N, C-alpha and C. Protein backbone atom coordinates (compact mmCIF):
# COMPACT_ATOMS: atom_id res chain seq x y z
N UNK A 1 29.95 0.01 70.87
CA UNK A 1 29.85 1.23 70.42
C UNK A 1 31.63 1.71 70.48
N UNK A 2 31.97 1.37 72.18
CA UNK A 2 33.24 1.70 72.81
C UNK A 2 33.86 0.96 71.47
N UNK A 3 33.69 -0.56 71.06
CA UNK A 3 34.77 -1.40 70.82
C UNK A 3 35.04 -1.03 69.19
N UNK A 4 33.81 -0.28 68.55
CA UNK A 4 34.13 0.28 67.21
C UNK A 4 34.92 1.49 67.11
N UNK A 5 34.36 1.94 67.95
CA UNK A 5 35.72 3.66 68.01
C UNK A 5 37.18 3.07 68.32
N UNK A 6 37.23 2.36 69.41
CA UNK A 6 38.40 1.71 69.36
C UNK A 6 39.09 1.08 67.92
N UNK A 7 38.86 0.19 67.63
CA UNK A 7 39.85 -0.59 66.74
C UNK A 7 39.67 0.66 65.24
N UNK A 8 38.66 1.26 65.03
CA UNK A 8 38.49 2.54 64.40
C UNK A 8 39.85 2.98 64.20
N UNK A 9 39.97 3.81 65.53
CA UNK A 9 41.21 4.91 65.60
C UNK A 9 42.58 3.91 66.06
N UNK A 10 42.58 2.55 66.01
CA UNK A 10 43.71 1.49 66.42
C UNK A 10 44.04 1.98 64.71
N UNK A 11 42.88 1.70 63.95
CA UNK A 11 43.13 1.53 62.18
C UNK A 11 43.87 2.98 61.62
N UNK A 12 43.24 3.77 62.53
CA UNK A 12 43.88 5.01 61.89
C UNK A 12 45.39 5.56 62.07
N UNK A 13 45.64 5.07 63.40
CA UNK A 13 47.01 5.54 63.78
C UNK A 13 48.01 4.17 63.18
N UNK A 14 47.49 3.11 63.04
CA UNK A 14 48.57 1.99 62.34
C UNK A 14 48.54 3.04 60.47
N UNK A 15 47.35 3.49 59.75
CA UNK A 15 47.17 4.07 58.57
C UNK A 15 48.33 5.44 59.12
N UNK A 16 48.69 6.36 59.67
CA UNK A 16 49.24 7.56 59.91
C UNK A 16 50.53 6.90 60.04
N UNK A 17 50.99 5.64 60.66
CA UNK A 17 52.22 5.46 60.96
C UNK A 17 52.59 5.06 59.35
N UNK A 18 51.94 4.54 58.54
CA UNK A 18 52.15 3.58 57.21
C UNK A 18 52.08 4.69 56.29
N UNK A 19 51.61 5.98 56.42
CA UNK A 19 51.18 6.78 54.85
C UNK A 19 52.35 7.78 55.61
N UNK A 20 52.59 7.83 56.72
CA UNK A 20 53.98 9.00 57.93
C UNK A 20 55.18 8.50 56.59
N UNK A 21 55.66 7.18 56.81
CA UNK A 21 56.48 6.66 56.34
C UNK A 21 56.58 6.92 54.61
N UNK A 22 55.38 6.58 53.98
CA UNK A 22 55.63 6.65 52.37
C UNK A 22 55.42 8.05 52.38
N UNK A 23 55.20 8.83 52.84
CA UNK A 23 55.18 10.34 52.43
C UNK A 23 56.68 10.77 52.27
N UNK A 24 58.06 10.17 53.25
CA UNK A 24 59.44 10.33 53.03
C UNK A 24 59.68 10.33 51.62
N UNK A 25 58.82 9.49 50.79
CA UNK A 25 59.55 8.82 49.68
C UNK A 25 60.21 8.14 49.66
N UNK A 26 60.57 6.86 48.84
CA UNK A 26 61.20 5.81 48.97
C UNK A 26 62.01 5.32 47.62
N UNK A 27 62.29 3.90 48.05
CA UNK A 27 63.02 3.57 47.10
C UNK A 27 61.88 2.68 45.95
N UNK A 28 62.58 2.93 44.69
CA UNK A 28 61.09 1.99 43.87
C UNK A 28 61.47 0.81 43.93
N UNK A 29 60.27 -0.03 44.71
CA UNK A 29 60.51 -1.45 44.02
C UNK A 29 60.23 -1.95 43.41
N UNK A 30 60.27 -2.94 42.74
CA UNK A 30 60.77 -4.10 41.69
C UNK A 30 59.25 -3.55 40.78
N UNK A 31 59.71 -3.28 39.59
CA UNK A 31 58.57 -2.74 38.89
C UNK A 31 58.13 -1.90 39.28
N UNK A 32 58.40 -1.06 39.80
CA UNK A 32 57.65 0.36 40.12
C UNK A 32 58.57 1.53 39.69
N UNK A 33 58.24 2.33 38.94
CA UNK A 33 59.03 4.20 38.72
C UNK A 33 58.48 5.03 40.02
N UNK A 34 59.23 5.76 40.74
CA UNK A 34 59.35 6.45 41.31
C UNK A 34 59.72 7.80 40.88
N UNK A 35 58.85 8.92 40.80
CA UNK A 35 59.07 10.29 40.58
C UNK A 35 59.44 11.51 41.77
N UNK A 36 60.02 12.25 41.99
CA UNK A 36 60.07 13.08 43.21
C UNK A 36 60.18 14.01 42.44
N UNK A 37 59.17 15.27 42.77
CA UNK A 37 59.10 16.32 42.19
C UNK A 37 59.21 17.81 42.70
N UNK A 38 59.27 18.81 42.70
CA UNK A 38 58.65 19.69 43.29
C UNK A 38 57.35 20.51 43.23
N UNK A 39 56.52 19.84 42.82
CA UNK A 39 55.46 20.36 43.08
C UNK A 39 54.39 20.26 44.53
N UNK A 40 54.12 20.56 44.55
CA UNK A 40 52.99 20.14 45.92
C UNK A 40 51.99 19.43 45.63
N UNK A 41 51.47 18.55 46.82
CA UNK A 41 50.65 17.86 46.41
C UNK A 41 49.54 17.98 45.87
N UNK A 42 48.71 19.02 46.03
CA UNK A 42 47.49 19.28 45.38
C UNK A 42 47.80 19.52 43.69
N UNK A 43 49.13 20.37 43.66
CA UNK A 43 49.36 20.63 42.24
C UNK A 43 49.80 19.47 41.58
N UNK A 44 50.21 18.63 41.83
CA UNK A 44 51.10 17.15 41.79
C UNK A 44 49.18 16.43 41.55
N UNK A 45 48.80 16.29 42.11
CA UNK A 45 47.24 15.60 42.20
C UNK A 45 46.13 16.24 40.81
N UNK A 46 46.42 17.99 40.34
CA UNK A 46 45.80 18.48 39.82
C UNK A 46 46.64 17.96 38.45
N UNK A 47 47.53 17.94 38.42
CA UNK A 47 48.47 17.72 36.58
C UNK A 47 48.39 16.42 36.37
N UNK A 48 48.23 15.47 37.63
CA UNK A 48 48.35 14.26 37.36
C UNK A 48 46.93 13.70 36.39
N UNK A 49 45.69 14.17 37.03
CA UNK A 49 44.15 14.21 36.56
C UNK A 49 44.63 15.13 35.38
N UNK A 50 44.86 16.34 34.82
CA UNK A 50 44.84 17.10 33.42
C UNK A 50 46.05 15.81 32.64
N UNK A 51 47.01 15.37 32.98
CA UNK A 51 47.89 14.76 32.41
C UNK A 51 46.92 13.35 31.28
N UNK A 52 46.04 12.68 32.46
CA UNK A 52 45.45 11.30 32.43
C UNK A 52 44.50 11.87 31.10
N UNK A 53 43.63 13.19 31.09
CA UNK A 53 43.25 13.14 30.36
C UNK A 53 43.67 13.70 28.80
N UNK A 54 44.93 14.27 29.37
CA UNK A 54 45.62 14.85 28.04
C UNK A 54 46.09 13.46 26.79
N UNK A 55 45.95 12.12 27.81
CA UNK A 55 46.89 10.66 27.10
C UNK A 55 45.52 10.48 26.56
N UNK A 56 44.51 10.60 27.05
CA UNK A 56 43.13 10.16 26.91
C UNK A 56 42.78 8.76 27.33
N UNK A 57 43.47 8.61 28.45
CA UNK A 57 43.13 7.78 29.35
C UNK A 57 41.81 8.58 30.39
N UNK A 58 41.46 7.21 31.00
CA UNK A 58 40.50 7.31 31.79
C UNK A 58 40.38 7.60 33.40
N UNK A 59 40.06 8.17 34.20
CA UNK A 59 40.03 8.36 35.46
C UNK A 59 39.14 7.70 36.13
N UNK A 60 39.33 6.37 36.58
CA UNK A 60 38.55 5.31 36.99
C UNK A 60 38.00 5.42 38.16
N UNK A 61 39.53 5.77 39.00
CA UNK A 61 38.83 5.78 40.29
C UNK A 61 39.94 6.49 41.03
N UNK A 62 39.25 7.01 42.20
CA UNK A 62 40.61 7.82 43.42
C UNK A 62 40.06 7.53 44.59
N UNK A 63 41.20 7.13 45.23
CA UNK A 63 41.04 7.15 47.27
C UNK A 63 42.27 7.97 47.56
N UNK A 64 41.87 8.53 48.81
CA UNK A 64 42.56 9.17 49.31
C UNK A 64 42.36 8.86 50.67
N UNK A 65 43.85 8.55 51.39
CA UNK A 65 43.69 8.20 52.82
C UNK A 65 43.32 9.56 53.75
N UNK A 66 43.99 10.23 52.63
CA UNK A 66 44.09 11.80 53.64
C UNK A 66 42.64 12.35 54.10
N UNK A 67 41.95 12.09 52.44
CA UNK A 67 40.98 12.71 53.45
C UNK A 67 39.79 11.90 54.60
N UNK A 68 40.36 10.35 54.10
CA UNK A 68 39.69 9.56 54.99
C UNK A 68 39.98 10.01 56.83
N UNK A 69 40.93 9.92 56.50
CA UNK A 69 41.87 10.58 57.66
C UNK A 69 41.10 11.73 58.33
N UNK A 70 40.76 12.44 57.75
CA UNK A 70 40.58 13.86 58.08
C UNK A 70 39.32 13.57 58.39
N UNK A 71 38.15 12.89 57.54
CA UNK A 71 36.88 12.56 58.33
C UNK A 71 36.73 12.08 59.66
N UNK A 72 38.02 11.60 60.42
CA UNK A 72 37.96 11.08 61.50
C UNK A 72 38.88 11.89 62.42
N UNK A 73 38.87 13.62 61.77
CA UNK A 73 39.83 14.46 63.02
C UNK A 73 41.21 14.27 63.08
N UNK A 74 41.34 13.67 61.70
CA UNK A 74 43.48 12.81 61.84
C UNK A 74 43.91 13.36 60.69
N UNK A 75 45.19 14.28 60.76
CA UNK A 75 46.23 14.43 59.75
C UNK A 75 47.01 13.99 59.56
N UNK A 76 46.94 13.47 58.01
CA UNK A 76 48.13 13.24 57.54
C UNK A 76 48.78 13.21 56.48
N UNK A 77 50.03 13.75 56.09
CA UNK A 77 50.33 14.16 54.57
C UNK A 77 49.72 13.28 53.74
N UNK A 78 49.44 14.52 53.01
CA UNK A 78 48.56 14.15 51.71
C UNK A 78 49.09 12.54 50.74
N UNK A 79 48.03 12.01 50.07
CA UNK A 79 47.95 10.74 50.26
C UNK A 79 46.87 10.29 49.19
N UNK A 80 47.25 10.03 47.69
CA UNK A 80 45.92 10.03 46.85
C UNK A 80 46.35 8.36 45.58
N UNK A 81 45.29 7.88 45.31
CA UNK A 81 45.32 6.91 44.58
C UNK A 81 44.84 6.84 43.23
N UNK A 82 45.17 7.44 42.30
CA UNK A 82 44.56 7.38 40.79
C UNK A 82 44.29 6.10 40.23
N UNK A 83 43.37 5.32 40.12
CA UNK A 83 43.44 4.44 38.87
C UNK A 83 42.86 4.81 37.61
N UNK A 84 43.87 4.39 36.38
CA UNK A 84 43.76 4.74 35.22
C UNK A 84 43.24 3.75 34.58
N UNK A 85 42.21 3.82 33.28
CA UNK A 85 42.21 2.82 32.03
C UNK A 85 41.49 3.63 31.34
N UNK A 86 41.02 2.61 30.38
CA UNK A 86 40.34 2.70 28.94
C UNK A 86 39.62 1.95 28.53
N UNK A 87 38.22 1.62 28.00
CA UNK A 87 37.99 0.64 27.97
C UNK A 87 37.80 -0.02 26.73
N UNK A 88 38.80 0.30 25.51
CA UNK A 88 38.98 -0.39 24.97
C UNK A 88 40.48 -1.33 25.08
N UNK A 89 40.88 -0.76 26.17
CA UNK A 89 42.46 -1.85 27.07
C UNK A 89 41.32 -2.38 27.35
N UNK A 90 40.47 -2.23 28.08
CA UNK A 90 39.43 -3.67 29.15
C UNK A 90 39.55 -4.80 28.43
N UNK A 91 38.63 -4.15 27.08
CA UNK A 91 38.25 -4.80 26.39
C UNK A 91 39.39 -6.40 25.60
N UNK A 92 40.31 -5.78 25.72
CA UNK A 92 41.46 -6.29 24.57
C UNK A 92 42.31 -7.02 25.98
N UNK A 93 42.53 -6.72 27.07
CA UNK A 93 42.99 -7.43 27.99
C UNK A 93 42.04 -8.72 28.53
N UNK A 94 40.75 -8.33 28.96
CA UNK A 94 39.88 -9.38 28.59
C UNK A 94 39.96 -10.84 27.30
N UNK A 95 39.61 -9.86 26.51
CA UNK A 95 40.00 -11.19 25.37
C UNK A 95 41.17 -12.13 25.63
N UNK A 96 42.34 -11.41 26.06
CA UNK A 96 43.60 -12.04 26.20
C UNK A 96 43.38 -12.63 27.36
N UNK A 97 43.05 -12.54 28.84
CA UNK A 97 43.14 -13.02 30.27
C UNK A 97 41.75 -12.19 30.69
N UNK A 98 41.30 -13.11 30.79
CA UNK A 98 40.08 -13.21 31.61
C UNK A 98 41.08 -12.57 32.85
N UNK A 99 41.52 -13.61 33.92
CA UNK A 99 42.40 -13.49 35.14
C UNK A 99 42.80 -12.23 35.32
N UNK A 100 43.73 -11.57 34.10
CA UNK A 100 44.16 -10.40 34.18
C UNK A 100 43.18 -9.50 34.50
N UNK A 101 42.12 -9.09 34.25
CA UNK A 101 40.96 -8.11 34.64
C UNK A 101 40.64 -7.75 36.21
N UNK A 102 41.07 -8.30 37.14
CA UNK A 102 41.52 -7.80 38.63
C UNK A 102 42.49 -6.78 39.10
N UNK A 103 43.36 -6.82 37.69
CA UNK A 103 44.78 -5.70 37.66
C UNK A 103 43.93 -4.23 37.25
N UNK A 104 42.66 -3.89 36.92
CA UNK A 104 42.65 -3.17 36.12
C UNK A 104 41.41 -2.11 37.33
N UNK A 105 41.49 -0.95 37.11
CA UNK A 105 42.59 -0.23 36.94
C UNK A 105 43.63 -0.16 37.24
N UNK A 106 45.02 0.33 36.87
CA UNK A 106 46.06 0.50 36.85
C UNK A 106 46.45 1.48 37.39
N UNK A 107 47.03 2.04 38.47
CA UNK A 107 47.16 2.74 39.81
C UNK A 107 48.64 3.26 39.62
N UNK A 108 47.93 5.16 39.94
CA UNK A 108 49.18 5.95 40.00
C UNK A 108 49.35 6.55 41.49
N UNK A 109 50.09 6.60 42.41
CA UNK A 109 49.95 6.72 43.29
C UNK A 109 50.97 7.92 44.01
N UNK A 110 49.87 9.09 44.50
CA UNK A 110 50.89 10.56 44.82
C UNK A 110 50.61 10.84 46.42
N UNK A 111 51.69 10.92 46.71
CA UNK A 111 52.15 11.41 48.22
C UNK A 111 52.90 12.29 48.99
N UNK A 112 52.57 13.13 49.44
CA UNK A 112 53.20 14.37 50.08
C UNK A 112 54.40 13.91 51.15
N UNK A 113 55.49 14.44 50.77
CA UNK A 113 56.82 14.38 51.25
C UNK A 113 56.43 15.80 52.39
N UNK A 114 57.80 15.89 53.37
CA UNK A 114 58.09 16.24 54.23
C UNK A 114 57.87 17.83 54.48
N UNK A 115 58.81 18.16 53.11
CA UNK A 115 59.27 19.17 52.65
C UNK A 115 58.01 20.07 51.79
N UNK A 116 56.63 19.34 51.51
CA UNK A 116 55.83 19.59 51.10
C UNK A 116 55.78 19.22 49.67
N UNK A 117 56.50 18.99 49.10
CA UNK A 117 56.86 18.80 48.00
C UNK A 117 55.88 17.15 47.73
N UNK A 118 55.95 17.04 46.09
CA UNK A 118 54.79 15.29 46.18
C UNK A 118 56.34 14.57 45.29
N UNK A 119 55.73 13.19 45.67
CA UNK A 119 56.08 12.09 44.59
C UNK A 119 55.26 11.61 43.77
N UNK A 120 55.46 11.03 42.41
CA UNK A 120 54.06 9.79 41.74
C UNK A 120 54.79 8.83 41.70
N UNK A 121 54.46 7.86 42.01
CA UNK A 121 54.34 6.49 41.90
C UNK A 121 53.60 5.51 40.71
N UNK A 122 53.91 4.66 40.55
CA UNK A 122 53.24 3.84 39.67
C UNK A 122 53.78 2.51 39.69
N UNK A 123 53.31 1.17 39.69
CA UNK A 123 53.63 -0.44 38.88
C UNK A 123 53.38 -0.16 37.66
N UNK A 124 54.20 -0.53 36.79
CA UNK A 124 54.59 -0.44 35.33
C UNK A 124 53.31 -1.47 35.43
N UNK A 125 52.54 -1.10 33.77
CA UNK A 125 51.29 -1.99 33.32
C UNK A 125 52.16 -3.60 33.54
N UNK A 126 53.50 -3.84 32.65
CA UNK A 126 53.89 -4.55 32.25
C UNK A 126 54.64 -5.46 33.26
N UNK A 127 54.79 -4.89 34.39
CA UNK A 127 54.92 -5.85 35.72
C UNK A 127 53.17 -6.29 36.48
N UNK A 128 52.45 -4.89 36.16
CA UNK A 128 51.57 -5.72 36.85
C UNK A 128 50.86 -6.85 36.21
N UNK A 129 50.97 -7.27 34.79
CA UNK A 129 50.28 -8.21 34.24
C UNK A 129 51.18 -9.06 33.73
N UNK A 130 52.29 -9.02 34.35
CA UNK A 130 53.46 -9.94 34.19
C UNK A 130 52.77 -11.71 34.36
N UNK A 131 51.98 -11.63 35.76
CA UNK A 131 51.58 -13.39 36.05
C UNK A 131 50.73 -13.88 35.17
N UNK A 132 50.35 -12.93 34.28
CA UNK A 132 48.97 -13.44 33.47
C UNK A 132 49.69 -13.28 31.83
N UNK A 133 51.13 -13.22 31.97
CA UNK A 133 51.71 -13.40 30.30
C UNK A 133 51.41 -14.81 29.62
N UNK A 134 51.36 -15.96 30.99
CA UNK A 134 51.29 -17.00 30.40
C UNK A 134 49.92 -17.80 29.83
N UNK A 135 49.12 -16.91 30.11
CA UNK A 135 47.44 -17.39 30.04
C UNK A 135 46.77 -16.09 28.80
N UNK A 136 48.04 -15.19 28.98
CA UNK A 136 46.85 -13.96 27.92
C UNK A 136 48.10 -13.95 26.80
N UNK A 137 49.21 -14.46 26.56
CA UNK A 137 50.16 -14.59 25.89
C UNK A 137 50.38 -12.98 24.92
N UNK A 138 50.97 -13.31 23.72
CA UNK A 138 51.63 -12.18 23.44
C UNK A 138 50.99 -10.86 22.95
N UNK A 139 49.23 -11.13 22.71
CA UNK A 139 48.35 -10.28 23.04
C UNK A 139 48.31 -9.54 24.05
N UNK A 140 48.36 -10.31 25.68
CA UNK A 140 48.45 -9.18 26.43
C UNK A 140 50.18 -8.94 27.11
N UNK A 141 51.25 -9.50 26.15
CA UNK A 141 52.47 -8.61 26.74
C UNK A 141 52.53 -7.30 25.81
N UNK A 142 52.42 -7.20 24.45
CA UNK A 142 51.92 -6.32 23.31
C UNK A 142 51.17 -5.38 24.41
N UNK A 143 49.56 -5.06 24.85
CA UNK A 143 48.94 -4.58 25.62
C UNK A 143 49.64 -3.94 27.00
N UNK A 144 50.78 -4.50 27.54
CA UNK A 144 50.92 -4.08 28.45
C UNK A 144 52.32 -3.12 28.22
N UNK A 145 52.69 -3.38 27.24
CA UNK A 145 53.74 -2.31 26.55
C UNK A 145 53.39 -1.36 26.47
N UNK A 146 52.48 -1.39 25.36
CA UNK A 146 51.43 0.14 25.30
C UNK A 146 51.32 0.86 26.12
N UNK A 147 50.29 -0.40 27.17
CA UNK A 147 49.99 0.97 28.60
C UNK A 147 51.76 1.74 29.22
N UNK A 148 52.59 0.65 29.16
CA UNK A 148 53.90 1.54 29.63
C UNK A 148 53.96 2.64 29.38
N UNK A 149 53.88 2.74 27.86
CA UNK A 149 54.38 3.81 27.08
C UNK A 149 53.42 4.74 28.01
N UNK A 150 52.56 4.64 27.69
CA UNK A 150 51.16 5.78 28.03
C UNK A 150 51.41 6.30 29.42
N UNK A 151 51.26 5.28 30.15
CA UNK A 151 51.64 5.32 31.26
C UNK A 151 53.07 6.64 32.33
N UNK A 152 54.00 6.73 30.86
CA UNK A 152 55.31 6.82 31.36
C UNK A 152 54.63 8.10 31.16
N UNK A 153 54.40 8.75 29.43
CA UNK A 153 53.87 9.39 29.20
C UNK A 153 53.13 10.56 30.24
N UNK A 154 52.12 9.95 30.71
CA UNK A 154 51.62 10.56 31.31
C UNK A 154 52.12 11.26 32.50
N UNK A 155 53.31 10.13 32.93
CA UNK A 155 54.56 10.64 34.76
C UNK A 155 54.66 11.99 34.14
N UNK A 156 55.05 11.81 32.93
CA UNK A 156 56.33 12.82 32.30
C UNK A 156 55.31 14.06 32.47
N UNK A 157 54.39 14.12 31.79
CA UNK A 157 53.33 15.21 31.88
C UNK A 157 53.06 15.86 33.23
N UNK A 158 52.96 14.75 33.71
CA UNK A 158 52.37 15.45 35.45
C UNK A 158 53.51 16.08 36.25
N UNK A 159 54.42 15.35 36.27
CA UNK A 159 56.00 15.79 37.05
C UNK A 159 56.44 16.80 36.03
N UNK A 160 56.03 17.14 34.94
CA UNK A 160 56.63 18.33 34.11
C UNK A 160 58.16 17.87 33.25
N UNK A 161 58.38 16.30 33.29
CA UNK A 161 59.54 16.18 32.41
C UNK A 161 58.97 15.74 30.94
N UNK A 162 57.54 16.54 30.19
CA UNK A 162 57.31 16.58 28.87
C UNK A 162 57.00 17.88 28.52
């Protein structure tokens, strides 16, 4: 029991360090888009959920390191990952490339900054699916480009740029 608690505490500390770094904002790694906002973390999460719905996509998954840490009595900056997709895209993706299915849903990442504003980031669908383009051909490339535009509109709506 002690060892389990010790491991759990160690993992929580590592997660806290990672999330603290992420909450400071970051430059966009290759294939990512990162948009800083003046919105609070809860407001950006709510705006993202509304934007997903407005663009007629599905909110498929949601996970929050903040909620997980809180359940262990640890406070960390806001951190939520929201997986977005839609079944018609899933069917088209799988028709083009079965291996590409591991990448769905595609995720948005909302992080709280030290000044209590929030940042929205995501890997573009084209970047996510690029490793499968040889397998999926033009059908997968076209699908990824279509999703790029939708994900950008979702981000623009959520951040107030649309």
